[in-house]
Amino acid sequence: MRYCVINGSPRGKSGNTEILLRMVMDGIESTDNAVEITECHLNTEKERQFSREAFGKAEVVLLGFPLYTDAMPGLVKEFIESLQPDVGRDNNPKMAFLVQSGFPEAHHSRFVERYLEKLARRLNAPYAGTIVKGGCEGVRLMPEEMNRKLFEGLRELGTDLAREGVFNPERLTRLAKPERFPRFLTPLFWLILKIPATQIYWNGLLKNNNAYQDRFARPFER
């Protein structure tokens, strides 16, 4: 079975998406099936072209990316648009997806999940499911032991994909939790966010990207 695993994170090999995809690949490779996995990264021009070629040769494609404003990074959109010639093709590969985000609640990713299912349908590609997992911004910064349960779940889903051809729906639901936090916790979260120490990491990212001065901007406000 020929797999193509595409990392759609702008961070490439140094991001959280790469770590999560690697766990799924470990699960795929743990089966008795003979598998061939081609890895691609969309954060370079050369790799984007390679990804397009690898897509056409694969039997199963796993596309993973971080959630950006309830959608996907621009480089993932560009890759999806490059698939236009394959719309309706008879032998398109089966498609599976992984969407991770810093938001802890899974419901932030449900809109893009529905889009991805529709994308597979438009391509006439069998849909194998979408892994949704929030609260992942710190994965690359934490010791592996702190991520043990998450990694085990991802490996199990990879095994399911290799053996059954789809992600197990019950495992997807369990891994995605929490779907939503109870409303009564909202005041507590607002209180925690007012503590300066909780903003150090995010403010650092904003400063590194010259966006700190725009942290209160509301570009979508009418």
N, C-alpha and C. Protein backbone atom coordinates (compact mmCIF):
# COMPACT_ATOMS: atom_id res chain seq x y z
N MET A 1 0.85 -1.18 0.00
CA MET A 1 0.00 0.00 0.00
C MET A 1 0.89 1.23 0.00
N ARG A 2 0.64 2.13 -0.92
CA ARG A 2 1.45 3.35 -1.05
C ARG A 2 0.73 4.52 -0.36
N TYR A 3 1.38 5.08 0.65
CA TYR A 3 0.85 6.22 1.37
C TYR A 3 1.64 7.48 1.02
N CYS A 4 0.93 8.58 0.97
CA CYS A 4 1.57 9.90 0.83
C CYS A 4 1.12 10.72 2.03
N VAL A 5 2.06 11.12 2.88
CA VAL A 5 1.76 11.90 4.08
C VAL A 5 2.25 13.33 3.84
N ILE A 6 1.33 14.27 3.83
CA ILE A 6 1.66 15.65 3.48
C ILE A 6 1.51 16.54 4.70
N ASN A 7 2.59 17.21 5.06
CA ASN A 7 2.61 18.12 6.20
C ASN A 7 2.35 19.54 5.69
N GLY A 8 1.19 20.10 6.04
CA GLY A 8 0.83 21.42 5.57
C GLY A 8 1.14 22.54 6.55
N SER A 9 2.03 22.31 7.50
CA SER A 9 2.38 23.34 8.47
C SER A 9 3.46 24.26 7.92
N PRO A 10 3.31 25.57 8.07
CA PRO A 10 4.38 26.50 7.68
C PRO A 10 5.67 26.26 8.45
N ARG A 11 5.59 25.61 9.62
CA ARG A 11 6.79 25.29 10.38
C ARG A 11 7.53 24.08 9.83
N GLY A 12 6.90 23.37 8.93
CA GLY A 12 7.55 22.21 8.33
C GLY A 12 7.89 21.13 9.34
N LYS A 13 9.12 20.66 9.28
CA LYS A 13 9.54 19.55 10.13
C LYS A 13 9.70 19.93 11.59
N SER A 14 9.69 21.21 11.92
CA SER A 14 9.91 21.64 13.29
C SER A 14 8.62 21.94 14.05
N GLY A 15 7.47 21.66 13.44
CA GLY A 15 6.20 22.01 14.06
C GLY A 15 5.49 20.85 14.73
N ASN A 16 4.36 21.16 15.35
CA ASN A 16 3.56 20.15 16.04
C ASN A 16 2.90 19.19 15.06
N THR A 17 2.51 19.69 13.88
CA THR A 17 1.86 18.82 12.89
C THR A 17 2.76 17.66 12.51
N GLU A 18 4.06 17.94 12.34
CA GLU A 18 5.02 16.89 11.99
C GLU A 18 5.05 15.80 13.07
N ILE A 19 5.03 16.19 14.33
CA ILE A 19 5.07 15.22 15.43
C ILE A 19 3.83 14.35 15.41
N LEU A 20 2.66 14.96 15.24
CA LEU A 20 1.41 14.19 15.25
C LEU A 20 1.32 13.26 14.05
N LEU A 21 1.73 13.75 12.89
CA LEU A 21 1.72 12.89 11.70
C LEU A 21 2.67 11.71 11.87
N ARG A 22 3.80 11.95 12.51
CA ARG A 22 4.77 10.88 12.74
C ARG A 22 4.16 9.77 13.60
N MET A 23 3.33 10.13 14.58
CA MET A 23 2.69 9.11 15.42
C MET A 23 1.71 8.27 14.60
N VAL A 24 0.96 8.92 13.72
CA VAL A 24 0.04 8.18 12.85
C VAL A 24 0.82 7.25 11.93
N MET A 25 1.93 7.73 11.40
CA MET A 25 2.77 6.90 10.53
C MET A 25 3.34 5.71 11.29
N ASP A 26 3.70 5.93 12.55
CA ASP A 26 4.18 4.80 13.37
C ASP A 26 3.12 3.72 13.46
N GLY A 27 1.86 4.15 13.63
CA GLY A 27 0.77 3.18 13.69
C GLY A 27 0.59 2.44 12.38
N ILE A 28 0.71 3.15 11.27
CA ILE A 28 0.60 2.51 9.95
C ILE A 28 1.70 1.47 9.77
N GLU A 29 2.92 1.86 10.13
CA GLU A 29 4.08 0.98 9.93
C GLU A 29 4.11 -0.20 10.90
N SER A 30 3.31 -0.12 11.97
CA SER A 30 3.31 -1.20 12.96
C SER A 30 2.49 -2.41 12.51
N THR A 31 1.72 -2.26 11.45
CA THR A 31 0.90 -3.37 10.96
C THR A 31 1.75 -4.35 10.19
N ASP A 32 1.15 -5.48 9.91
CA ASP A 32 1.87 -6.51 9.15
C ASP A 32 1.86 -6.22 7.65
N ASN A 33 1.06 -5.23 7.26
CA ASN A 33 0.96 -4.94 5.84
C ASN A 33 2.24 -4.31 5.32
N ALA A 34 2.59 -4.63 4.09
CA ALA A 34 3.74 -4.00 3.44
C ALA A 34 3.32 -2.60 3.01
N VAL A 35 3.95 -1.58 3.60
CA VAL A 35 3.58 -0.20 3.29
C VAL A 35 4.78 0.58 2.79
N GLU A 36 4.49 1.54 1.94
CA GLU A 36 5.50 2.46 1.44
C GLU A 36 4.97 3.87 1.70
N ILE A 37 5.69 4.65 2.53
CA ILE A 37 5.24 5.97 2.91
C ILE A 37 6.15 7.04 2.32
N THR A 38 5.56 7.94 1.57
CA THR A 38 6.27 9.09 1.04
C THR A 38 5.87 10.31 1.84
N GLU A 39 6.85 11.00 2.42
CA GLU A 39 6.58 12.19 3.22
C GLU A 39 6.84 13.45 2.41
N CYS A 40 5.94 14.42 2.54
CA CYS A 40 6.07 15.68 1.82
C CYS A 40 5.78 16.83 2.78
N HIS A 41 6.41 17.97 2.51
CA HIS A 41 6.19 19.17 3.31
C HIS A 41 5.90 20.34 2.38
N LEU A 42 4.85 21.07 2.68
CA LEU A 42 4.40 22.13 1.78
C LEU A 42 5.08 23.47 2.03
N ASN A 43 5.99 23.55 2.97
CA ASN A 43 6.56 24.86 3.32
C ASN A 43 7.73 25.29 2.44
N THR A 44 8.04 24.50 1.39
CA THR A 44 9.04 24.94 0.41
C THR A 44 8.48 24.71 -1.00
N GLU A 45 8.91 25.53 -1.93
CA GLU A 45 8.40 25.44 -3.30
C GLU A 45 8.69 24.07 -3.92
N LYS A 46 9.90 23.58 -3.70
CA LYS A 46 10.28 22.29 -4.25
C LYS A 46 9.41 21.17 -3.70
N GLU A 47 9.15 21.20 -2.39
CA GLU A 47 8.33 20.16 -1.77
C GLU A 47 6.87 20.24 -2.22
N ARG A 48 6.39 21.46 -2.49
CA ARG A 48 5.00 21.59 -2.96
C ARG A 48 4.81 20.89 -4.30
N GLN A 49 5.79 21.05 -5.19
CA GLN A 49 5.70 20.38 -6.48
C GLN A 49 5.82 18.86 -6.31
N PHE A 50 6.70 18.44 -5.41
CA PHE A 50 6.87 17.02 -5.14
C PHE A 50 5.59 16.42 -4.56
N SER A 51 4.91 17.19 -3.69
CA SER A 51 3.66 16.73 -3.09
C SER A 51 2.60 16.48 -4.14
N ARG A 52 2.56 17.39 -5.11
CA ARG A 52 1.56 17.25 -6.18
C ARG A 52 1.79 15.97 -6.97
N GLU A 53 3.04 15.65 -7.25
CA GLU A 53 3.38 14.43 -7.99
C GLU A 53 3.11 13.19 -7.14
N ALA A 54 3.45 13.26 -5.85
CA ALA A 54 3.26 12.12 -4.96
C ALA A 54 1.78 11.81 -4.77
N PHE A 55 0.94 12.85 -4.78
CA PHE A 55 -0.50 12.65 -4.63
C PHE A 55 -1.03 11.72 -5.72
N GLY A 56 -0.60 11.93 -6.94
CA GLY A 56 -1.09 11.15 -8.07
C GLY A 56 -0.63 9.70 -8.06
N LYS A 57 0.45 9.40 -7.33
CA LYS A 57 0.99 8.05 -7.30
C LYS A 57 0.53 7.24 -6.09
N ALA A 58 -0.07 7.92 -5.11
CA ALA A 58 -0.42 7.25 -3.86
C ALA A 58 -1.76 6.53 -3.94
N GLU A 59 -1.94 5.57 -3.04
CA GLU A 59 -3.23 4.91 -2.87
C GLU A 59 -4.00 5.52 -1.71
N VAL A 60 -3.26 6.06 -0.73
CA VAL A 60 -3.85 6.75 0.42
C VAL A 60 -3.05 8.02 0.67
N VAL A 61 -3.75 9.14 0.83
CA VAL A 61 -3.11 10.42 1.14
C VAL A 61 -3.58 10.89 2.51
N LEU A 62 -2.64 11.23 3.39
CA LEU A 62 -2.94 11.80 4.69
C LEU A 62 -2.40 13.23 4.70
N LEU A 63 -3.30 14.19 4.76
CA LEU A 63 -2.92 15.61 4.75
C LEU A 63 -3.16 16.19 6.14
N GLY A 64 -2.11 16.71 6.76
CA GLY A 64 -2.23 17.30 8.09
C GLY A 64 -1.82 18.75 8.09
N PHE A 65 -2.49 19.55 8.93
CA PHE A 65 -2.15 20.98 9.00
C PHE A 65 -2.70 21.59 10.29
N PRO A 66 -2.16 22.74 10.71
CA PRO A 66 -2.71 23.45 11.86
C PRO A 66 -3.92 24.28 11.45
N LEU A 67 -4.81 24.50 12.39
CA LEU A 67 -5.99 25.32 12.13
C LEU A 67 -5.59 26.79 12.14
N TYR A 68 -5.91 27.50 11.05
CA TYR A 68 -5.64 28.94 10.95
C TYR A 68 -6.97 29.66 10.72
N THR A 69 -7.46 30.37 11.74
CA THR A 69 -8.71 31.13 11.64
C THR A 69 -9.83 30.26 11.09
N ASP A 70 -10.06 29.12 11.73
CA ASP A 70 -11.13 28.18 11.38
C ASP A 70 -10.98 27.61 9.97
N ALA A 71 -9.79 27.65 9.41
CA ALA A 71 -9.56 27.09 8.08
C ALA A 71 -8.17 26.45 8.07
N MET A 72 -7.43 26.68 6.99
CA MET A 72 -6.10 26.08 6.87
C MET A 72 -5.10 27.13 6.39
N PRO A 73 -3.80 26.88 6.55
CA PRO A 73 -2.80 27.83 6.06
C PRO A 73 -2.92 28.03 4.55
N GLY A 74 -2.45 29.19 4.08
CA GLY A 74 -2.53 29.50 2.65
C GLY A 74 -1.83 28.48 1.77
N LEU A 75 -0.73 27.92 2.26
CA LEU A 75 0.01 26.95 1.43
C LEU A 75 -0.79 25.66 1.25
N VAL A 76 -1.67 25.34 2.22
CA VAL A 76 -2.54 24.18 2.06
C VAL A 76 -3.64 24.50 1.04
N LYS A 77 -4.17 25.71 1.11
CA LYS A 77 -5.17 26.13 0.12
C LYS A 77 -4.59 26.07 -1.29
N GLU A 78 -3.34 26.52 -1.42
CA GLU A 78 -2.68 26.48 -2.74
C GLU A 78 -2.56 25.04 -3.23
N PHE A 79 -2.18 24.13 -2.33
CA PHE A 79 -2.06 22.73 -2.72
C PHE A 79 -3.41 22.17 -3.16
N ILE A 80 -4.46 22.47 -2.39
CA ILE A 80 -5.79 21.97 -2.73
C ILE A 80 -6.22 22.49 -4.10
N GLU A 81 -5.95 23.77 -4.38
CA GLU A 81 -6.31 24.34 -5.68
C GLU A 81 -5.54 23.66 -6.82
N SER A 82 -4.33 23.18 -6.52
CA SER A 82 -3.54 22.51 -7.56
C SER A 82 -4.14 21.16 -7.95
N LEU A 83 -5.09 20.66 -7.15
CA LEU A 83 -5.72 19.37 -7.44
C LEU A 83 -6.90 19.50 -8.41
N GLN A 84 -7.18 20.71 -8.88
CA GLN A 84 -8.31 20.94 -9.78
C GLN A 84 -8.33 19.97 -10.97
N PRO A 85 -7.19 19.71 -11.61
CA PRO A 85 -7.22 18.77 -12.75
C PRO A 85 -7.65 17.36 -12.38
N ASP A 86 -7.59 17.01 -11.09
CA ASP A 86 -7.94 15.66 -10.66
C ASP A 86 -9.40 15.50 -10.24
N VAL A 87 -10.16 16.57 -10.29
CA VAL A 87 -11.56 16.52 -9.88
C VAL A 87 -12.31 15.48 -10.72
N GLY A 88 -12.94 14.52 -10.05
CA GLY A 88 -13.73 13.51 -10.74
C GLY A 88 -12.94 12.37 -11.34
N ARG A 89 -11.62 12.37 -11.18
CA ARG A 89 -10.81 11.29 -11.75
C ARG A 89 -11.18 9.96 -11.10
N ASP A 90 -11.18 8.89 -11.87
CA ASP A 90 -11.64 7.59 -11.38
C ASP A 90 -10.72 6.96 -10.35
N ASN A 91 -9.41 7.19 -10.45
CA ASN A 91 -8.47 6.49 -9.57
C ASN A 91 -7.79 7.40 -8.58
N ASN A 92 -8.48 8.41 -8.10
CA ASN A 92 -7.90 9.26 -7.07
C ASN A 92 -7.68 8.48 -5.79
N PRO A 93 -6.64 8.82 -5.02
CA PRO A 93 -6.35 8.07 -3.80
C PRO A 93 -7.38 8.33 -2.70
N LYS A 94 -7.48 7.40 -1.78
CA LYS A 94 -8.28 7.62 -0.59
C LYS A 94 -7.67 8.77 0.19
N MET A 95 -8.51 9.60 0.83
CA MET A 95 -8.01 10.78 1.52
C MET A 95 -8.38 10.76 3.00
N ALA A 96 -7.37 11.01 3.83
CA ALA A 96 -7.53 11.15 5.28
C ALA A 96 -6.88 12.47 5.69
N PHE A 97 -7.31 13.01 6.83
CA PHE A 97 -6.83 14.33 7.23
C PHE A 97 -6.54 14.38 8.72
N LEU A 98 -5.68 15.32 9.09
CA LEU A 98 -5.40 15.61 10.49
C LEU A 98 -5.40 17.12 10.66
N VAL A 99 -6.23 17.62 11.58
CA VAL A 99 -6.31 19.05 11.86
C VAL A 99 -6.00 19.26 13.33
N GLN A 100 -4.94 19.99 13.63
CA GLN A 100 -4.59 20.27 15.02
C GLN A 100 -4.59 21.77 15.25
N SER A 101 -4.83 22.16 16.50
CA SER A 101 -4.88 23.58 16.80
C SER A 101 -4.46 23.85 18.23
N GLY A 102 -4.23 25.12 18.52
CA GLY A 102 -3.93 25.53 19.89
C GLY A 102 -5.18 25.65 20.73
N PHE A 103 -6.34 25.85 20.08
CA PHE A 103 -7.61 25.89 20.82
C PHE A 103 -7.86 24.53 21.47
N PRO A 104 -8.20 24.50 22.74
CA PRO A 104 -8.41 23.19 23.39
C PRO A 104 -9.68 22.48 22.93
N GLU A 105 -10.70 23.23 22.51
CA GLU A 105 -11.98 22.64 22.15
C GLU A 105 -12.01 22.19 20.69
N ALA A 106 -12.50 21.00 20.47
CA ALA A 106 -12.52 20.43 19.11
C ALA A 106 -13.48 21.16 18.19
N HIS A 107 -14.52 21.79 18.73
CA HIS A 107 -15.56 22.35 17.85
C HIS A 107 -15.02 23.45 16.95
N HIS A 108 -13.87 24.05 17.30
CA HIS A 108 -13.26 25.06 16.43
C HIS A 108 -12.88 24.49 15.07
N SER A 109 -12.60 23.19 15.03
CA SER A 109 -12.13 22.56 13.80
C SER A 109 -13.23 21.86 13.01
N ARG A 110 -14.45 21.87 13.50
CA ARG A 110 -15.51 21.10 12.85
C ARG A 110 -15.92 21.69 11.50
N PHE A 111 -15.79 23.00 11.34
CA PHE A 111 -16.17 23.60 10.06
C PHE A 111 -15.21 23.16 8.95
N VAL A 112 -13.91 23.19 9.24
CA VAL A 112 -12.95 22.76 8.23
C VAL A 112 -13.03 21.25 8.02
N GLU A 113 -13.41 20.51 9.07
CA GLU A 113 -13.61 19.06 8.91
C GLU A 113 -14.69 18.77 7.86
N ARG A 114 -15.79 19.50 7.93
CA ARG A 114 -16.86 19.31 6.95
C ARG A 114 -16.40 19.68 5.54
N TYR A 115 -15.58 20.71 5.46
CA TYR A 115 -15.03 21.10 4.15
C TYR A 115 -14.16 19.98 3.58
N LEU A 116 -13.33 19.38 4.42
CA LEU A 116 -12.42 18.33 3.94
C LEU A 116 -13.19 17.10 3.44
N GLU A 117 -14.27 16.77 4.13
CA GLU A 117 -15.10 15.65 3.66
C GLU A 117 -15.71 15.98 2.31
N LYS A 118 -16.14 17.22 2.15
CA LYS A 118 -16.70 17.65 0.87
C LYS A 118 -15.61 17.68 -0.22
N LEU A 119 -14.40 18.06 0.16
CA LEU A 119 -13.29 18.07 -0.79
C LEU A 119 -13.05 16.69 -1.37
N ALA A 120 -13.01 15.68 -0.49
CA ALA A 120 -12.81 14.30 -0.96
C ALA A 120 -13.93 13.89 -1.91
N ARG A 121 -15.15 14.27 -1.58
CA ARG A 121 -16.29 13.92 -2.42
C ARG A 121 -16.18 14.58 -3.79
N ARG A 122 -15.76 15.84 -3.82
CA ARG A 122 -15.63 16.55 -5.10
C ARG A 122 -14.53 15.95 -5.96
N LEU A 123 -13.49 15.44 -5.30
CA LEU A 123 -12.39 14.81 -6.04
C LEU A 123 -12.73 13.39 -6.48
N ASN A 124 -13.87 12.88 -6.03
CA ASN A 124 -14.23 11.49 -6.28
C ASN A 124 -13.20 10.57 -5.62
N ALA A 125 -12.76 10.99 -4.40
CA ALA A 125 -11.79 10.22 -3.64
C ALA A 125 -12.47 9.64 -2.40
N PRO A 126 -12.27 8.37 -2.10
CA PRO A 126 -12.86 7.81 -0.88
C PRO A 126 -12.37 8.58 0.35
N TYR A 127 -13.28 8.84 1.28
CA TYR A 127 -12.97 9.62 2.48
C TYR A 127 -12.73 8.70 3.65
N ALA A 128 -11.55 8.82 4.29
CA ALA A 128 -11.18 7.92 5.38
C ALA A 128 -11.33 8.56 6.75
N GLY A 129 -11.74 9.82 6.81
CA GLY A 129 -11.96 10.46 8.11
C GLY A 129 -10.95 11.55 8.41
N THR A 130 -11.25 12.33 9.44
CA THR A 130 -10.40 13.45 9.85
C THR A 130 -10.11 13.37 11.34
N ILE A 131 -8.83 13.38 11.68
CA ILE A 131 -8.41 13.47 13.07
C ILE A 131 -8.47 14.94 13.47
N VAL A 132 -9.21 15.24 14.52
CA VAL A 132 -9.30 16.60 15.05
C VAL A 132 -8.75 16.58 16.47
N LYS A 133 -7.78 17.44 16.74
CA LYS A 133 -7.23 17.51 18.10
C LYS A 133 -6.81 18.93 18.42
N GLY A 134 -7.38 19.46 19.50
CA GLY A 134 -7.02 20.79 19.96
C GLY A 134 -5.99 20.74 21.08
N GLY A 135 -5.57 21.93 21.53
CA GLY A 135 -4.61 22.03 22.62
C GLY A 135 -3.24 21.50 22.29
N CYS A 136 -2.82 21.64 21.02
CA CYS A 136 -1.57 21.01 20.58
C CYS A 136 -0.38 21.95 20.46
N GLU A 137 -0.57 23.23 20.76
CA GLU A 137 0.53 24.17 20.56
C GLU A 137 1.76 23.80 21.38
N GLY A 138 1.55 23.20 22.54
CA GLY A 138 2.68 22.88 23.40
C GLY A 138 3.28 21.50 23.19
N VAL A 139 2.77 20.74 22.22
CA VAL A 139 3.23 19.35 22.03
C VAL A 139 4.74 19.29 21.82
N ARG A 140 5.26 20.16 20.99
CA ARG A 140 6.70 20.10 20.66
C ARG A 140 7.58 20.59 21.81
N LEU A 141 6.97 21.20 22.82
CA LEU A 141 7.73 21.74 23.94
C LEU A 141 7.69 20.84 25.16
N MET A 142 6.81 19.85 25.16
CA MET A 142 6.62 19.00 26.35
C MET A 142 7.38 17.69 26.22
N PRO A 143 7.77 17.10 27.36
CA PRO A 143 8.39 15.77 27.33
C PRO A 143 7.41 14.75 26.75
N GLU A 144 7.95 13.71 26.13
CA GLU A 144 7.10 12.72 25.48
C GLU A 144 6.13 12.07 26.45
N GLU A 145 6.53 11.90 27.70
CA GLU A 145 5.66 11.26 28.68
C GLU A 145 4.37 12.04 28.89
N MET A 146 4.45 13.37 28.79
CA MET A 146 3.25 14.19 28.97
C MET A 146 2.30 14.06 27.78
N ASN A 147 2.82 13.60 26.65
CA ASN A 147 2.00 13.41 25.46
C ASN A 147 1.67 11.94 25.21
N ARG A 148 1.96 11.09 26.19
CA ARG A 148 1.86 9.65 25.97
C ARG A 148 0.46 9.23 25.51
N LYS A 149 -0.58 9.69 26.20
CA LYS A 149 -1.94 9.29 25.86
C LYS A 149 -2.32 9.76 24.47
N LEU A 150 -1.95 10.99 24.13
CA LEU A 150 -2.22 11.52 22.79
C LEU A 150 -1.51 10.70 21.73
N PHE A 151 -0.25 10.42 21.95
CA PHE A 151 0.54 9.67 20.96
C PHE A 151 -0.01 8.25 20.77
N GLU A 152 -0.42 7.62 21.88
CA GLU A 152 -0.99 6.27 21.77
C GLU A 152 -2.27 6.30 20.94
N GLY A 153 -3.10 7.30 21.15
CA GLY A 153 -4.33 7.42 20.37
C GLY A 153 -4.07 7.61 18.89
N LEU A 154 -3.05 8.41 18.56
CA LEU A 154 -2.71 8.64 17.16
C LEU A 154 -2.16 7.37 16.51
N ARG A 155 -1.34 6.64 17.24
CA ARG A 155 -0.81 5.39 16.70
C ARG A 155 -1.94 4.39 16.44
N GLU A 156 -2.89 4.32 17.36
CA GLU A 156 -4.04 3.42 17.17
C GLU A 156 -4.83 3.80 15.92
N LEU A 157 -5.00 5.09 15.69
CA LEU A 157 -5.73 5.53 14.49
C LEU A 157 -4.95 5.19 13.22
N GLY A 158 -3.63 5.30 13.29
CA GLY A 158 -2.81 4.90 12.15
C GLY A 158 -2.94 3.42 11.85
N THR A 159 -2.99 2.61 12.90
CA THR A 159 -3.18 1.17 12.72
C THR A 159 -4.54 0.88 12.11
N ASP A 160 -5.58 1.58 12.58
CA ASP A 160 -6.92 1.42 12.01
C ASP A 160 -6.93 1.76 10.53
N LEU A 161 -6.26 2.84 10.17
CA LEU A 161 -6.23 3.26 8.77
C LEU A 161 -5.58 2.20 7.89
N ALA A 162 -4.50 1.61 8.40
CA ALA A 162 -3.79 0.59 7.62
C ALA A 162 -4.60 -0.70 7.51
N ARG A 163 -5.28 -1.09 8.58
CA ARG A 163 -5.97 -2.38 8.59
C ARG A 163 -7.40 -2.30 8.06
N GLU A 164 -8.10 -1.21 8.39
CA GLU A 164 -9.52 -1.09 8.02
C GLU A 164 -9.76 -0.14 6.86
N GLY A 165 -8.77 0.69 6.54
CA GLY A 165 -8.93 1.63 5.43
C GLY A 165 -9.57 2.94 5.83
N VAL A 166 -9.98 3.07 7.10
CA VAL A 166 -10.59 4.30 7.60
C VAL A 166 -10.17 4.49 9.06
N PHE A 167 -10.28 5.73 9.55
CA PHE A 167 -10.08 5.98 10.97
C PHE A 167 -11.31 5.48 11.73
N ASN A 168 -11.07 4.86 12.87
CA ASN A 168 -12.17 4.38 13.71
C ASN A 168 -12.95 5.57 14.29
N PRO A 169 -14.24 5.69 14.01
CA PRO A 169 -15.02 6.85 14.47
C PRO A 169 -15.02 7.03 15.98
N GLU A 170 -15.09 5.93 16.73
CA GLU A 170 -15.11 6.04 18.19
C GLU A 170 -13.79 6.57 18.72
N ARG A 171 -12.70 6.13 18.12
CA ARG A 171 -11.39 6.64 18.54
C ARG A 171 -11.26 8.12 18.19
N LEU A 172 -11.77 8.52 17.04
CA LEU A 172 -11.73 9.93 16.65
C LEU A 172 -12.46 10.79 17.67
N THR A 173 -13.62 10.34 18.12
CA THR A 173 -14.41 11.09 19.09
C THR A 173 -13.68 11.20 20.42
N ARG A 174 -13.09 10.10 20.87
CA ARG A 174 -12.38 10.11 22.16
C ARG A 174 -11.16 11.03 22.10
N LEU A 175 -10.41 10.94 21.02
CA LEU A 175 -9.19 11.74 20.89
C LEU A 175 -9.49 13.22 20.82
N ALA A 176 -10.61 13.59 20.21
CA ALA A 176 -10.94 14.99 19.99
C ALA A 176 -11.34 15.73 21.26
N LYS A 177 -11.74 15.04 22.30
CA LYS A 177 -12.24 15.68 23.51
C LYS A 177 -11.21 16.63 24.11
N PRO A 178 -11.68 17.77 24.69
CA PRO A 178 -13.06 18.17 24.89
C PRO A 178 -13.67 18.80 23.64
N GLU A 179 -14.92 18.47 23.35
CA GLU A 179 -15.61 19.09 22.22
C GLU A 179 -15.93 20.55 22.54
N ARG A 180 -16.49 20.78 23.71
CA ARG A 180 -16.76 22.14 24.22
C ARG A 180 -16.64 22.12 25.75
N PHE A 181 -16.12 23.21 26.30
CA PHE A 181 -16.12 23.34 27.74
C PHE A 181 -17.51 23.80 28.20
N PRO A 182 -17.94 23.39 29.39
CA PRO A 182 -19.22 23.87 29.92
C PRO A 182 -19.23 25.39 30.04
N ARG A 183 -20.36 26.01 29.80
CA ARG A 183 -20.47 27.46 29.82
C ARG A 183 -20.13 28.07 31.19
N PHE A 184 -20.39 27.32 32.25
CA PHE A 184 -20.14 27.88 33.58
C PHE A 184 -18.66 28.11 33.85
N LEU A 185 -17.78 27.52 33.00
CA LEU A 185 -16.34 27.72 33.18
C LEU A 185 -15.83 29.00 32.50
N THR A 186 -16.67 29.64 31.69
CA THR A 186 -16.23 30.82 30.94
C THR A 186 -15.66 31.92 31.83
N PRO A 187 -16.34 32.31 32.91
CA PRO A 187 -15.76 33.36 33.77
C PRO A 187 -14.39 32.99 34.33
N LEU A 188 -14.21 31.71 34.63
CA LEU A 188 -12.92 31.25 35.16
C LEU A 188 -11.83 31.43 34.11
N PHE A 189 -12.12 31.07 32.86
CA PHE A 189 -11.13 31.22 31.79
C PHE A 189 -10.75 32.68 31.58
N TRP A 190 -11.76 33.57 31.61
CA TRP A 190 -11.47 35.00 31.45
C TRP A 190 -10.58 35.49 32.58
N LEU A 191 -10.80 34.99 33.77
CA LEU A 191 -9.98 35.38 34.91
C LEU A 191 -8.54 34.91 34.74
N ILE A 192 -8.38 33.68 34.29
CA ILE A 192 -7.04 33.13 34.08
C ILE A 192 -6.30 33.92 33.01
N LEU A 193 -7.00 34.31 31.96
CA LEU A 193 -6.37 35.05 30.86
C LEU A 193 -5.87 36.42 31.28
N LYS A 194 -6.41 36.94 32.37
CA LYS A 194 -5.96 38.24 32.86
C LYS A 194 -4.65 38.16 33.63
N ILE A 195 -4.22 36.95 33.93
CA ILE A 195 -2.94 36.77 34.63
C ILE A 195 -1.81 36.94 33.61
N PRO A 196 -0.92 37.91 33.79
CA PRO A 196 0.14 38.19 32.79
C PRO A 196 0.97 36.97 32.41
N ALA A 197 1.23 36.08 33.36
CA ALA A 197 2.08 34.92 33.07
C ALA A 197 1.49 34.02 32.00
N THR A 198 0.15 33.99 31.87
CA THR A 198 -0.48 33.12 30.87
C THR A 198 -0.29 33.63 29.45
N GLN A 199 0.17 34.87 29.31
CA GLN A 199 0.31 35.47 27.98
C GLN A 199 1.76 35.53 27.49
N ILE A 200 2.69 35.11 28.32
CA ILE A 200 4.11 35.24 27.96
C ILE A 200 4.43 34.52 26.65
N TYR A 201 4.00 33.27 26.53
CA TYR A 201 4.33 32.50 25.31
C TYR A 201 3.71 33.13 24.08
N TRP A 202 2.40 33.46 24.15
CA TRP A 202 1.73 34.00 22.97
C TRP A 202 2.25 35.38 22.60
N ASN A 203 2.52 36.21 23.61
CA ASN A 203 3.08 37.53 23.32
C ASN A 203 4.45 37.41 22.68
N GLY A 204 5.21 36.39 23.10
CA GLY A 204 6.52 36.16 22.48
C GLY A 204 6.39 35.82 21.00
N LEU A 205 5.40 34.98 20.66
CA LEU A 205 5.18 34.66 19.26
C LEU A 205 4.79 35.90 18.46
N LEU A 206 3.93 36.73 19.03
CA LEU A 206 3.51 37.96 18.34
C LEU A 206 4.70 38.88 18.10
N LYS A 207 5.56 39.03 19.10
CA LYS A 207 6.73 39.90 18.96
C LYS A 207 7.71 39.35 17.92
N ASN A 208 7.90 38.04 17.92
CA ASN A 208 8.81 37.43 16.94
C ASN A 208 8.33 37.61 15.50
N ASN A 209 7.02 37.79 15.34
CA ASN A 209 6.44 37.96 14.01
C ASN A 209 5.99 39.40 13.75
N ASN A 210 6.52 40.33 14.57
CA ASN A 210 6.23 41.76 14.40
C ASN A 210 4.73 42.06 14.37
N ALA A 211 3.97 41.34 15.20
CA ALA A 211 2.52 41.52 15.22
C ALA A 211 1.99 41.93 16.60
N TYR A 212 2.90 42.15 17.54
CA TYR A 212 2.47 42.44 18.91
C TYR A 212 1.63 43.71 18.98
N GLN A 213 2.00 44.72 18.19
CA GLN A 213 1.28 45.98 18.22
C GLN A 213 -0.14 45.85 17.66
N ASP A 214 -0.40 44.76 16.93
CA ASP A 214 -1.73 44.55 16.33
C ASP A 214 -2.53 43.48 17.07
N ARG A 215 -2.14 43.17 18.30
CA ARG A 215 -2.76 42.03 18.99
C ARG A 215 -4.23 42.23 19.30
N PHE A 216 -4.71 43.47 19.28
CA PHE A 216 -6.12 43.72 19.55
C PHE A 216 -6.88 44.07 18.28
N ALA A 217 -6.27 43.87 17.13
CA ALA A 217 -6.92 44.19 15.85
C ALA A 217 -8.12 43.28 15.63
N ARG A 218 -9.14 43.81 14.96
CA ARG A 218 -10.34 43.04 14.64
C ARG A 218 -10.62 43.15 13.15
N PRO A 219 -9.84 42.42 12.33
CA PRO A 219 -9.95 42.57 10.87
C PRO A 219 -11.28 42.13 10.29
N PHE A 220 -12.01 41.27 10.99
CA PHE A 220 -13.27 40.77 10.45
C PHE A 220 -14.49 41.49 11.04
N GLU A 221 -14.24 42.49 11.88
CA GLU A 221 -15.34 43.21 12.48
C GLU A 221 -15.94 44.20 11.47
N ARG A 222 -17.26 44.21 11.35
CA ARG A 222 -17.91 45.11 10.41
C ARG A 222 -18.13 46.48 11.06
